[in-house]
Amino acid sequence: MIDVFLKGLGVGVAIAAPVGPIGLLCIRRSVAQGRAAGLATGFGAAAADGTYGLLVAAGISASGLLTRYSTQMQLFGGVLIACLGLLTLRGFFTARPAEISGPPATSILGAFGTTYLLTLLNPATVLAFAGMVAGLGAAASGASNAAYWLVIGVFLGSALWWLILVHAALWARARIAQDTLRWLDLIAGAVLTVWGIGLTWGAI
């Protein structure tokens, strides 16, 4: 059973580790809004990874899911990501440097929910699980409760990575100038906006 758990743990880390737009969003929220918002963002992504792990463990083909709903997921996800990127860019153009460490603009539940949705709708996440579905499915079918260990492993592996990323962002925050933090809004907002527009354009 431990091998199933470790396999899930490895998959969770492997899928979460590439620092893409979701990673930038997590870093930005950690720096601008604090540990709670950063962890909620990261755990939202981990929960989405766990959801796909559950689908695989339950015998539902991630590749079939992608084929059937890929266009709708990409379109909705692209619009949502672009809107989030534009809101982040607005923070760069309107906020004063002193406001960077002000009260959180996003609730903990909102931070969790938006990242959960964004990760679920991210084609890269679905493709990653689709590519691993055969190996994961075989591992999950080895014993009656193997599927549960697989899902737990995927979630914990992903959550571990986000925990490390959040605390790395907080460590960096204490060592850079407040005015520099404002530029993180520009970088994160631009990446999210371009990524969202690209996804939307590809789905049309």
N, C-alpha and C. Protein backbone atom coordinates (compact mmCIF):
# COMPACT_ATOMS: atom_id res chain seq x y z
N MET A 1 0.82 -1.22 0.00
CA MET A 1 0.00 0.00 0.00
C MET A 1 0.85 1.27 0.00
N ILE A 2 2.01 1.17 0.66
CA ILE A 2 2.89 2.34 0.73
C ILE A 2 3.39 2.75 -0.65
N ASP A 3 3.55 1.79 -1.56
CA ASP A 3 4.02 2.12 -2.90
C ASP A 3 2.98 2.92 -3.67
N VAL A 4 1.68 2.61 -3.44
CA VAL A 4 0.60 3.36 -4.08
C VAL A 4 0.60 4.80 -3.56
N PHE A 5 0.74 4.93 -2.24
CA PHE A 5 0.77 6.26 -1.63
C PHE A 5 1.94 7.08 -2.15
N LEU A 6 3.12 6.47 -2.22
CA LEU A 6 4.31 7.17 -2.69
C LEU A 6 4.19 7.56 -4.17
N LYS A 7 3.55 6.69 -4.95
CA LYS A 7 3.34 7.01 -6.36
C LYS A 7 2.42 8.23 -6.49
N GLY A 8 1.35 8.25 -5.70
CA GLY A 8 0.46 9.40 -5.70
C GLY A 8 1.16 10.66 -5.22
N LEU A 9 2.02 10.52 -4.20
CA LEU A 9 2.77 11.65 -3.67
C LEU A 9 3.67 12.24 -4.76
N GLY A 10 4.35 11.36 -5.48
CA GLY A 10 5.23 11.81 -6.56
C GLY A 10 4.48 12.50 -7.67
N VAL A 11 3.31 11.97 -8.02
CA VAL A 11 2.49 12.59 -9.06
C VAL A 11 2.02 13.97 -8.62
N GLY A 12 1.60 14.09 -7.35
CA GLY A 12 1.15 15.37 -6.84
C GLY A 12 2.22 16.43 -6.91
N VAL A 13 3.44 16.08 -6.52
CA VAL A 13 4.56 17.03 -6.58
C VAL A 13 4.90 17.37 -8.03
N ALA A 14 4.93 16.35 -8.89
CA ALA A 14 5.32 16.55 -10.29
C ALA A 14 4.35 17.47 -11.02
N ILE A 15 3.07 17.36 -10.73
CA ILE A 15 2.08 18.18 -11.42
C ILE A 15 2.07 19.60 -10.87
N ALA A 16 2.29 19.75 -9.56
CA ALA A 16 2.23 21.08 -8.95
C ALA A 16 3.52 21.88 -9.13
N ALA A 17 4.66 21.19 -9.25
CA ALA A 17 5.97 21.86 -9.18
C ALA A 17 6.24 22.90 -10.27
N PRO A 18 5.88 22.67 -11.54
CA PRO A 18 6.17 23.71 -12.55
C PRO A 18 5.51 25.04 -12.17
N VAL A 19 6.30 26.09 -12.03
CA VAL A 19 5.76 27.39 -11.60
C VAL A 19 5.20 28.12 -12.81
N GLY A 20 3.92 27.88 -13.09
CA GLY A 20 3.22 28.55 -14.17
C GLY A 20 2.35 29.66 -13.62
N PRO A 21 1.28 30.01 -14.34
CA PRO A 21 0.38 31.08 -13.89
C PRO A 21 -0.23 30.83 -12.51
N ILE A 22 -0.59 29.57 -12.20
CA ILE A 22 -1.16 29.28 -10.89
C ILE A 22 -0.11 29.51 -9.80
N GLY A 23 1.12 29.12 -10.08
CA GLY A 23 2.20 29.35 -9.13
C GLY A 23 2.45 30.84 -8.90
N LEU A 24 2.40 31.62 -9.98
CA LEU A 24 2.58 33.07 -9.85
C LEU A 24 1.46 33.68 -9.02
N LEU A 25 0.24 33.19 -9.23
CA LEU A 25 -0.90 33.69 -8.46
C LEU A 25 -0.72 33.39 -6.98
N CYS A 26 -0.23 32.19 -6.68
CA CYS A 26 0.02 31.80 -5.30
C CYS A 26 1.10 32.69 -4.67
N ILE A 27 2.17 32.94 -5.41
CA ILE A 27 3.24 33.80 -4.91
C ILE A 27 2.73 35.22 -4.68
N ARG A 28 1.97 35.72 -5.63
CA ARG A 28 1.45 37.08 -5.53
C ARG A 28 0.54 37.24 -4.31
N ARG A 29 -0.35 36.28 -4.10
CA ARG A 29 -1.25 36.38 -2.94
C ARG A 29 -0.49 36.21 -1.63
N SER A 30 0.51 35.36 -1.62
CA SER A 30 1.32 35.18 -0.41
C SER A 30 2.02 36.48 -0.03
N VAL A 31 2.59 37.13 -1.04
CA VAL A 31 3.35 38.36 -0.80
C VAL A 31 2.43 39.52 -0.46
N ALA A 32 1.33 39.67 -1.19
CA ALA A 32 0.46 40.83 -1.03
C ALA A 32 -0.54 40.68 0.10
N GLN A 33 -0.99 39.44 0.37
CA GLN A 33 -2.09 39.25 1.31
C GLN A 33 -1.75 38.37 2.51
N GLY A 34 -0.59 37.74 2.49
CA GLY A 34 -0.17 37.00 3.66
C GLY A 34 -0.25 35.49 3.53
N ARG A 35 0.18 34.81 4.60
CA ARG A 35 0.29 33.35 4.61
C ARG A 35 -1.06 32.67 4.38
N ALA A 36 -2.11 33.15 5.04
CA ALA A 36 -3.42 32.48 4.94
C ALA A 36 -3.93 32.47 3.51
N ALA A 37 -3.85 33.62 2.82
CA ALA A 37 -4.31 33.69 1.43
C ALA A 37 -3.45 32.82 0.52
N GLY A 38 -2.14 32.81 0.78
CA GLY A 38 -1.25 31.98 -0.03
C GLY A 38 -1.53 30.50 0.14
N LEU A 39 -1.71 30.07 1.40
CA LEU A 39 -2.00 28.66 1.65
C LEU A 39 -3.36 28.26 1.09
N ALA A 40 -4.36 29.15 1.22
CA ALA A 40 -5.68 28.85 0.65
C ALA A 40 -5.58 28.69 -0.86
N THR A 41 -4.78 29.53 -1.50
CA THR A 41 -4.58 29.43 -2.94
C THR A 41 -3.91 28.11 -3.30
N GLY A 42 -2.84 27.77 -2.59
CA GLY A 42 -2.13 26.53 -2.87
C GLY A 42 -2.97 25.30 -2.60
N PHE A 43 -3.71 25.30 -1.50
CA PHE A 43 -4.52 24.14 -1.17
C PHE A 43 -5.71 24.00 -2.12
N GLY A 44 -6.16 25.12 -2.71
CA GLY A 44 -7.20 25.03 -3.73
C GLY A 44 -6.69 24.26 -4.94
N ALA A 45 -5.45 24.55 -5.34
CA ALA A 45 -4.83 23.81 -6.45
C ALA A 45 -4.62 22.35 -6.07
N ALA A 46 -4.20 22.10 -4.83
CA ALA A 46 -3.98 20.72 -4.38
C ALA A 46 -5.29 19.94 -4.36
N ALA A 47 -6.38 20.61 -3.96
CA ALA A 47 -7.69 19.94 -3.95
C ALA A 47 -8.13 19.58 -5.36
N ALA A 48 -7.83 20.45 -6.32
CA ALA A 48 -8.17 20.14 -7.72
C ALA A 48 -7.36 18.96 -8.22
N ASP A 49 -6.07 18.91 -7.87
CA ASP A 49 -5.24 17.76 -8.25
C ASP A 49 -5.79 16.49 -7.61
N GLY A 50 -6.21 16.59 -6.35
CA GLY A 50 -6.80 15.45 -5.68
C GLY A 50 -8.09 15.00 -6.32
N THR A 51 -8.87 15.97 -6.84
CA THR A 51 -10.12 15.63 -7.52
C THR A 51 -9.85 14.80 -8.77
N TYR A 52 -8.86 15.22 -9.56
CA TYR A 52 -8.51 14.43 -10.74
C TYR A 52 -7.93 13.07 -10.35
N GLY A 53 -7.18 13.04 -9.25
CA GLY A 53 -6.69 11.76 -8.76
C GLY A 53 -7.83 10.84 -8.38
N LEU A 54 -8.89 11.42 -7.80
CA LEU A 54 -10.07 10.64 -7.43
C LEU A 54 -10.77 10.09 -8.66
N LEU A 55 -10.86 10.90 -9.71
CA LEU A 55 -11.49 10.44 -10.95
C LEU A 55 -10.73 9.26 -11.54
N VAL A 56 -9.40 9.37 -11.51
CA VAL A 56 -8.57 8.28 -12.03
C VAL A 56 -8.74 7.04 -11.18
N ALA A 57 -8.73 7.21 -9.85
CA ALA A 57 -8.87 6.08 -8.94
C ALA A 57 -10.23 5.42 -9.07
N ALA A 58 -11.24 6.22 -9.42
CA ALA A 58 -12.59 5.68 -9.56
C ALA A 58 -12.80 5.02 -10.91
N GLY A 59 -11.79 5.08 -11.77
CA GLY A 59 -11.88 4.43 -13.07
C GLY A 59 -12.44 5.31 -14.16
N ILE A 60 -12.57 6.61 -13.89
CA ILE A 60 -13.08 7.54 -14.90
C ILE A 60 -11.90 8.04 -15.72
N SER A 61 -11.97 7.89 -17.01
CA SER A 61 -10.85 8.24 -17.88
C SER A 61 -10.68 9.75 -17.99
N ALA A 62 -9.56 10.25 -17.53
CA ALA A 62 -9.29 11.68 -17.65
C ALA A 62 -9.17 12.10 -19.11
N SER A 63 -8.65 11.19 -19.93
CA SER A 63 -8.51 11.52 -21.35
C SER A 63 -9.87 11.64 -22.02
N GLY A 64 -10.81 10.78 -21.63
CA GLY A 64 -12.17 10.86 -22.16
C GLY A 64 -12.86 12.13 -21.72
N LEU A 65 -12.62 12.53 -20.48
CA LEU A 65 -13.18 13.77 -19.97
C LEU A 65 -12.66 14.96 -20.75
N LEU A 66 -11.38 14.94 -21.05
CA LEU A 66 -10.77 16.02 -21.82
C LEU A 66 -11.36 16.11 -23.22
N THR A 67 -11.51 14.95 -23.87
CA THR A 67 -12.04 14.92 -25.23
C THR A 67 -13.46 15.47 -25.29
N ARG A 68 -14.24 15.13 -24.31
CA ARG A 68 -15.65 15.50 -24.34
C ARG A 68 -15.89 16.97 -24.01
N TYR A 69 -15.17 17.48 -23.03
CA TYR A 69 -15.45 18.83 -22.56
C TYR A 69 -14.27 19.80 -22.74
N SER A 70 -13.31 19.45 -23.56
CA SER A 70 -12.10 20.26 -23.65
C SER A 70 -12.38 21.70 -24.10
N THR A 71 -13.22 21.87 -25.12
CA THR A 71 -13.49 23.21 -25.65
C THR A 71 -14.19 24.08 -24.62
N GLN A 72 -15.23 23.52 -23.98
CA GLN A 72 -15.97 24.29 -22.98
C GLN A 72 -15.10 24.65 -21.78
N MET A 73 -14.31 23.69 -21.33
CA MET A 73 -13.42 23.94 -20.18
C MET A 73 -12.38 24.99 -20.52
N GLN A 74 -11.83 24.90 -21.72
CA GLN A 74 -10.80 25.85 -22.13
C GLN A 74 -11.37 27.26 -22.28
N LEU A 75 -12.57 27.37 -22.85
CA LEU A 75 -13.19 28.67 -23.05
C LEU A 75 -13.52 29.34 -21.72
N PHE A 76 -14.20 28.59 -20.84
CA PHE A 76 -14.59 29.13 -19.54
C PHE A 76 -13.35 29.46 -18.70
N GLY A 77 -12.40 28.55 -18.70
CA GLY A 77 -11.18 28.77 -17.94
C GLY A 77 -10.39 29.96 -18.46
N GLY A 78 -10.31 30.11 -19.79
CA GLY A 78 -9.59 31.22 -20.37
C GLY A 78 -10.17 32.56 -20.00
N VAL A 79 -11.50 32.67 -20.05
CA VAL A 79 -12.17 33.93 -19.69
C VAL A 79 -11.94 34.24 -18.21
N LEU A 80 -12.08 33.23 -17.36
CA LEU A 80 -11.89 33.41 -15.92
C LEU A 80 -10.46 33.85 -15.60
N ILE A 81 -9.50 33.21 -16.24
CA ILE A 81 -8.09 33.54 -15.99
C ILE A 81 -7.75 34.95 -16.50
N ALA A 82 -8.28 35.31 -17.68
CA ALA A 82 -8.02 36.65 -18.22
C ALA A 82 -8.61 37.73 -17.32
N CYS A 83 -9.82 37.50 -16.81
CA CYS A 83 -10.45 38.47 -15.90
C CYS A 83 -9.63 38.62 -14.62
N LEU A 84 -9.16 37.50 -14.10
CA LEU A 84 -8.34 37.55 -12.89
C LEU A 84 -7.04 38.30 -13.16
N GLY A 85 -6.46 38.08 -14.34
CA GLY A 85 -5.24 38.79 -14.71
C GLY A 85 -5.45 40.29 -14.82
N LEU A 86 -6.58 40.70 -15.41
CA LEU A 86 -6.87 42.13 -15.54
C LEU A 86 -7.09 42.78 -14.18
N LEU A 87 -7.75 42.06 -13.28
CA LEU A 87 -7.95 42.59 -11.92
C LEU A 87 -6.60 42.75 -11.21
N THR A 88 -5.71 41.82 -11.44
CA THR A 88 -4.38 41.90 -10.83
C THR A 88 -3.59 43.08 -11.41
N LEU A 89 -3.70 43.28 -12.72
CA LEU A 89 -3.04 44.42 -13.36
C LEU A 89 -3.58 45.74 -12.84
N ARG A 90 -4.88 45.77 -12.57
CA ARG A 90 -5.47 47.00 -12.04
C ARG A 90 -4.82 47.37 -10.70
N GLY A 91 -4.47 46.34 -9.93
CA GLY A 91 -3.80 46.59 -8.65
C GLY A 91 -2.46 47.28 -8.84
N PHE A 92 -1.76 46.93 -9.92
CA PHE A 92 -0.46 47.57 -10.18
C PHE A 92 -0.64 49.04 -10.52
N PHE A 93 -1.66 49.36 -11.33
CA PHE A 93 -1.83 50.73 -11.80
C PHE A 93 -2.53 51.64 -10.80
N THR A 94 -3.27 51.07 -9.85
CA THR A 94 -4.05 51.91 -8.94
C THR A 94 -3.53 51.93 -7.51
N ALA A 95 -2.85 50.86 -7.07
CA ALA A 95 -2.42 50.80 -5.67
C ALA A 95 -1.15 51.59 -5.44
N ARG A 96 -1.08 52.23 -4.29
CA ARG A 96 0.15 52.88 -3.87
C ARG A 96 1.03 51.84 -3.20
N PRO A 97 2.33 52.02 -3.19
CA PRO A 97 3.23 51.04 -2.58
C PRO A 97 2.86 50.69 -1.15
N ALA A 98 2.38 51.66 -0.38
CA ALA A 98 2.03 51.41 1.02
C ALA A 98 0.85 50.47 1.16
N GLU A 99 0.07 50.32 0.08
CA GLU A 99 -1.12 49.49 0.16
C GLU A 99 -0.82 48.03 -0.08
N ILE A 100 0.41 47.71 -0.48
CA ILE A 100 0.74 46.33 -0.83
C ILE A 100 0.51 45.40 0.34
N SER A 101 0.85 45.85 1.55
CA SER A 101 0.70 44.99 2.70
C SER A 101 -0.57 45.30 3.48
N GLY A 102 -1.54 45.90 2.82
CA GLY A 102 -2.80 46.25 3.45
C GLY A 102 -3.68 45.04 3.68
N PRO A 103 -4.96 45.25 4.04
CA PRO A 103 -5.86 44.15 4.33
C PRO A 103 -6.13 43.31 3.10
N PRO A 104 -6.34 42.02 3.28
CA PRO A 104 -6.55 41.13 2.15
C PRO A 104 -7.74 41.54 1.29
N ALA A 105 -7.56 41.52 -0.04
CA ALA A 105 -8.64 41.86 -0.95
C ALA A 105 -9.44 40.62 -1.32
N THR A 106 -8.91 39.46 -1.03
CA THR A 106 -9.57 38.21 -1.37
C THR A 106 -9.80 37.41 -0.10
N SER A 107 -11.04 36.93 0.09
CA SER A 107 -11.32 36.11 1.26
C SER A 107 -10.60 34.77 1.13
N ILE A 108 -10.45 34.09 2.26
CA ILE A 108 -9.78 32.80 2.25
C ILE A 108 -10.56 31.82 1.38
N LEU A 109 -11.88 31.81 1.54
CA LEU A 109 -12.72 30.93 0.74
C LEU A 109 -12.64 31.29 -0.73
N GLY A 110 -12.60 32.60 -1.02
CA GLY A 110 -12.49 33.04 -2.41
C GLY A 110 -11.16 32.64 -3.02
N ALA A 111 -10.08 32.76 -2.24
CA ALA A 111 -8.75 32.35 -2.73
C ALA A 111 -8.72 30.86 -3.03
N PHE A 112 -9.31 30.07 -2.15
CA PHE A 112 -9.36 28.62 -2.35
C PHE A 112 -10.21 28.28 -3.57
N GLY A 113 -11.41 28.88 -3.65
CA GLY A 113 -12.36 28.54 -4.71
C GLY A 113 -11.87 28.92 -6.10
N THR A 114 -11.29 30.11 -6.23
CA THR A 114 -10.84 30.54 -7.56
C THR A 114 -9.70 29.65 -8.07
N THR A 115 -8.77 29.32 -7.18
CA THR A 115 -7.65 28.48 -7.61
C THR A 115 -8.10 27.05 -7.89
N TYR A 116 -9.06 26.57 -7.12
CA TYR A 116 -9.60 25.23 -7.37
C TYR A 116 -10.20 25.17 -8.77
N LEU A 117 -11.00 26.18 -9.11
CA LEU A 117 -11.62 26.24 -10.45
C LEU A 117 -10.57 26.39 -11.54
N LEU A 118 -9.63 27.30 -11.34
CA LEU A 118 -8.61 27.54 -12.36
C LEU A 118 -7.78 26.29 -12.63
N THR A 119 -7.44 25.55 -11.57
CA THR A 119 -6.64 24.34 -11.75
C THR A 119 -7.46 23.24 -12.43
N LEU A 120 -8.73 23.12 -12.06
CA LEU A 120 -9.60 22.13 -12.70
C LEU A 120 -9.73 22.41 -14.19
N LEU A 121 -9.82 23.71 -14.54
CA LEU A 121 -10.05 24.09 -15.93
C LEU A 121 -8.76 24.25 -16.73
N ASN A 122 -7.64 24.06 -16.08
CA ASN A 122 -6.35 24.19 -16.75
C ASN A 122 -6.09 22.96 -17.62
N PRO A 123 -6.03 23.12 -18.94
CA PRO A 123 -5.80 21.97 -19.82
C PRO A 123 -4.51 21.22 -19.49
N ALA A 124 -3.50 21.93 -18.99
CA ALA A 124 -2.23 21.27 -18.66
C ALA A 124 -2.42 20.26 -17.54
N THR A 125 -3.28 20.59 -16.56
CA THR A 125 -3.54 19.65 -15.47
C THR A 125 -4.24 18.41 -15.97
N VAL A 126 -5.26 18.62 -16.81
CA VAL A 126 -6.01 17.48 -17.35
C VAL A 126 -5.11 16.61 -18.21
N LEU A 127 -4.30 17.24 -19.05
CA LEU A 127 -3.39 16.47 -19.91
C LEU A 127 -2.38 15.68 -19.08
N ALA A 128 -1.91 16.28 -17.99
CA ALA A 128 -0.95 15.59 -17.14
C ALA A 128 -1.55 14.32 -16.55
N PHE A 129 -2.78 14.43 -16.05
CA PHE A 129 -3.44 13.25 -15.51
C PHE A 129 -3.82 12.27 -16.61
N ALA A 130 -4.17 12.78 -17.78
CA ALA A 130 -4.50 11.89 -18.89
C ALA A 130 -3.28 11.06 -19.27
N GLY A 131 -2.10 11.69 -19.22
CA GLY A 131 -0.89 10.96 -19.56
C GLY A 131 -0.50 9.93 -18.53
N MET A 132 -0.97 10.11 -17.29
CA MET A 132 -0.60 9.19 -16.21
C MET A 132 -1.72 8.23 -15.86
N VAL A 133 -2.86 8.33 -16.57
CA VAL A 133 -4.04 7.58 -16.17
C VAL A 133 -3.81 6.07 -16.17
N ALA A 134 -3.06 5.55 -17.13
CA ALA A 134 -2.85 4.10 -17.20
C ALA A 134 -2.09 3.60 -15.98
N GLY A 135 -0.97 4.25 -15.67
CA GLY A 135 -0.18 3.82 -14.53
C GLY A 135 -0.89 4.02 -13.21
N LEU A 136 -1.58 5.15 -13.06
CA LEU A 136 -2.29 5.42 -11.82
C LEU A 136 -3.47 4.48 -11.65
N GLY A 137 -4.18 4.24 -12.74
CA GLY A 137 -5.33 3.34 -12.67
C GLY A 137 -4.92 1.94 -12.27
N ALA A 138 -3.80 1.46 -12.81
CA ALA A 138 -3.31 0.13 -12.46
C ALA A 138 -2.90 0.08 -10.99
N ALA A 139 -2.27 1.15 -10.51
CA ALA A 139 -1.84 1.18 -9.11
C ALA A 139 -3.04 1.20 -8.18
N ALA A 140 -4.09 1.94 -8.58
CA ALA A 140 -5.26 2.07 -7.72
C ALA A 140 -6.10 0.81 -7.68
N SER A 141 -5.94 -0.07 -8.65
CA SER A 141 -6.76 -1.28 -8.70
C SER A 141 -6.11 -2.45 -7.98
N GLY A 142 -4.96 -2.23 -7.36
CA GLY A 142 -4.23 -3.33 -6.73
C GLY A 142 -4.90 -3.88 -5.50
N ALA A 143 -5.62 -3.07 -4.74
CA ALA A 143 -6.28 -3.52 -3.51
C ALA A 143 -7.54 -2.70 -3.30
N SER A 144 -8.38 -3.14 -2.37
CA SER A 144 -9.69 -2.51 -2.19
C SER A 144 -9.58 -1.06 -1.77
N ASN A 145 -8.62 -0.72 -0.94
CA ASN A 145 -8.48 0.66 -0.48
C ASN A 145 -7.30 1.39 -1.10
N ALA A 146 -6.72 0.83 -2.15
CA ALA A 146 -5.57 1.46 -2.80
C ALA A 146 -5.95 2.81 -3.41
N ALA A 147 -7.18 2.91 -3.92
CA ALA A 147 -7.62 4.16 -4.54
C ALA A 147 -7.57 5.32 -3.55
N TYR A 148 -7.96 5.06 -2.30
CA TYR A 148 -7.95 6.11 -1.29
C TYR A 148 -6.53 6.58 -1.00
N TRP A 149 -5.60 5.64 -0.92
CA TRP A 149 -4.20 6.00 -0.68
C TRP A 149 -3.63 6.78 -1.85
N LEU A 150 -4.07 6.46 -3.05
CA LEU A 150 -3.62 7.19 -4.23
C LEU A 150 -4.06 8.65 -4.18
N VAL A 151 -5.34 8.86 -3.88
CA VAL A 151 -5.89 10.21 -3.82
C VAL A 151 -5.21 11.02 -2.71
N ILE A 152 -5.04 10.39 -1.54
CA ILE A 152 -4.37 11.07 -0.42
C ILE A 152 -2.94 11.45 -0.81
N GLY A 153 -2.25 10.54 -1.49
CA GLY A 153 -0.88 10.82 -1.92
C GLY A 153 -0.81 11.98 -2.89
N VAL A 154 -1.70 12.00 -3.89
CA VAL A 154 -1.72 13.10 -4.86
C VAL A 154 -1.97 14.43 -4.16
N PHE A 155 -2.97 14.46 -3.28
CA PHE A 155 -3.30 15.71 -2.57
C PHE A 155 -2.14 16.17 -1.70
N LEU A 156 -1.57 15.26 -0.90
CA LEU A 156 -0.49 15.64 0.00
C LEU A 156 0.78 16.05 -0.76
N GLY A 157 1.06 15.38 -1.87
CA GLY A 157 2.22 15.75 -2.67
C GLY A 157 2.08 17.16 -3.23
N SER A 158 0.90 17.45 -3.76
CA SER A 158 0.63 18.79 -4.29
C SER A 158 0.65 19.83 -3.17
N ALA A 159 -0.01 19.51 -2.04
CA ALA A 159 -0.07 20.45 -0.91
C ALA A 159 1.31 20.74 -0.36
N LEU A 160 2.17 19.72 -0.32
CA LEU A 160 3.54 19.91 0.17
C LEU A 160 4.29 20.92 -0.68
N TRP A 161 4.13 20.80 -2.00
CA TRP A 161 4.81 21.75 -2.88
C TRP A 161 4.31 23.17 -2.65
N TRP A 162 2.98 23.34 -2.54
CA TRP A 162 2.43 24.68 -2.36
C TRP A 162 2.85 25.26 -1.01
N LEU A 163 2.96 24.41 0.00
CA LEU A 163 3.42 24.86 1.31
C LEU A 163 4.84 25.42 1.22
N ILE A 164 5.69 24.72 0.49
CA ILE A 164 7.07 25.18 0.30
C ILE A 164 7.10 26.49 -0.47
N LEU A 165 6.28 26.58 -1.53
CA LEU A 165 6.27 27.79 -2.37
C LEU A 165 5.79 29.00 -1.59
N VAL A 166 4.73 28.83 -0.79
CA VAL A 166 4.19 29.94 0.00
C VAL A 166 5.24 30.46 0.98
N HIS A 167 5.90 29.57 1.69
CA HIS A 167 6.88 30.02 2.68
C HIS A 167 8.14 30.59 2.02
N ALA A 168 8.46 30.13 0.82
CA ALA A 168 9.57 30.73 0.08
C ALA A 168 9.21 32.17 -0.32
N ALA A 169 7.95 32.37 -0.73
CA ALA A 169 7.49 33.71 -1.10
C ALA A 169 7.49 34.64 0.11
N LEU A 170 7.06 34.13 1.26
CA LEU A 170 7.05 34.94 2.48
C LEU A 170 8.47 35.28 2.93
N TRP A 171 9.38 34.34 2.75
CA TRP A 171 10.79 34.59 3.08
C TRP A 171 11.35 35.70 2.20
N ALA A 172 11.02 35.65 0.91
CA ALA A 172 11.50 36.67 -0.02
C ALA A 172 10.87 38.02 0.26
N ARG A 173 9.60 38.00 0.67
CA ARG A 173 8.88 39.25 0.94
C ARG A 173 9.59 40.08 2.01
N ALA A 174 10.12 39.42 3.01
CA ALA A 174 10.77 40.13 4.12
C ALA A 174 12.12 40.71 3.72
N ARG A 175 12.59 40.38 2.53
CA ARG A 175 13.94 40.79 2.14
C ARG A 175 13.99 41.70 0.92
N ILE A 176 12.82 42.11 0.42
CA ILE A 176 12.81 43.02 -0.72
C ILE A 176 12.01 44.27 -0.37
N ALA A 177 12.27 45.35 -1.08
CA ALA A 177 11.63 46.63 -0.81
C ALA A 177 10.14 46.57 -1.12
N GLN A 178 9.36 47.35 -0.36
CA GLN A 178 7.92 47.38 -0.55
C GLN A 178 7.54 47.80 -1.97
N ASP A 179 8.27 48.78 -2.51
CA ASP A 179 7.93 49.25 -3.85
C ASP A 179 8.16 48.16 -4.90
N THR A 180 9.13 47.28 -4.63
CA THR A 180 9.42 46.18 -5.56
C THR A 180 8.26 45.20 -5.62
N LEU A 181 7.58 45.02 -4.48
CA LEU A 181 6.47 44.07 -4.42
C LEU A 181 5.35 44.45 -5.39
N ARG A 182 5.22 45.76 -5.63
CA ARG A 182 4.16 46.23 -6.51
C ARG A 182 4.32 45.70 -7.93
N TRP A 183 5.58 45.47 -8.33
CA TRP A 183 5.83 44.98 -9.68
C TRP A 183 5.40 43.53 -9.85
N LEU A 184 5.22 42.83 -8.75
CA LEU A 184 4.74 41.46 -8.84
C LEU A 184 3.33 41.42 -9.41
N ASP A 185 2.53 42.46 -9.11
CA ASP A 185 1.19 42.56 -9.69
C ASP A 185 1.28 42.66 -11.21
N LEU A 186 2.25 43.44 -11.69
CA LEU A 186 2.40 43.60 -13.14
C LEU A 186 2.78 42.28 -13.80
N ILE A 187 3.75 41.57 -13.22
CA ILE A 187 4.21 40.31 -13.80
C ILE A 187 3.11 39.26 -13.76
N ALA A 188 2.53 39.06 -12.56
CA ALA A 188 1.48 38.05 -12.41
C ALA A 188 0.26 38.38 -13.26
N GLY A 189 -0.14 39.66 -13.25
CA GLY A 189 -1.30 40.06 -14.03
C GLY A 189 -1.10 39.89 -15.52
N ALA A 190 0.09 40.25 -16.01
CA ALA A 190 0.38 40.12 -17.44
C ALA A 190 0.38 38.65 -17.86
N VAL A 191 1.02 37.80 -17.06
CA VAL A 191 1.08 36.37 -17.40
C VAL A 191 -0.32 35.76 -17.40
N LEU A 192 -1.11 36.06 -16.37
CA LEU A 192 -2.47 35.52 -16.29
C LEU A 192 -3.34 36.01 -17.45
N THR A 193 -3.22 37.30 -17.78
CA THR A 193 -4.03 37.86 -18.87
C THR A 193 -3.67 37.23 -20.21
N VAL A 194 -2.38 37.17 -20.51
CA VAL A 194 -1.94 36.58 -21.78
C VAL A 194 -2.32 35.11 -21.85
N TRP A 195 -2.12 34.39 -20.76
CA TRP A 195 -2.48 32.97 -20.71
C TRP A 195 -3.97 32.78 -20.93
N GLY A 196 -4.79 33.60 -20.25
CA GLY A 196 -6.24 33.49 -20.40
C GLY A 196 -6.72 33.81 -21.80
N ILE A 197 -6.16 34.87 -22.40
CA ILE A 197 -6.53 35.23 -23.77
C ILE A 197 -6.13 34.13 -24.74
N GLY A 198 -4.94 33.55 -24.52
CA GLY A 198 -4.49 32.46 -25.38
C GLY A 198 -5.40 31.25 -25.30
N LEU A 199 -5.82 30.89 -24.08
CA LEU A 199 -6.74 29.76 -23.92
C LEU A 199 -8.08 30.04 -24.59
N THR A 200 -8.59 31.26 -24.39
CA THR A 200 -9.88 31.63 -24.98
C THR A 200 -9.81 31.62 -26.50
N TRP A 201 -8.75 32.20 -27.04
CA TRP A 201 -8.57 32.24 -28.50
C TRP A 201 -8.48 30.83 -29.08
N GLY A 202 -7.79 29.96 -28.39
CA GLY A 202 -7.64 28.59 -28.87
C GLY A 202 -8.93 27.79 -28.84
N ALA A 203 -9.87 28.22 -27.97
CA ALA A 203 -11.14 27.49 -27.84
C ALA A 203 -12.20 27.98 -28.81
N ILE A 204 -11.97 29.17 -29.39
CA ILE A 204 -12.99 29.74 -30.30
C ILE A 204 -12.89 29.11 -31.68
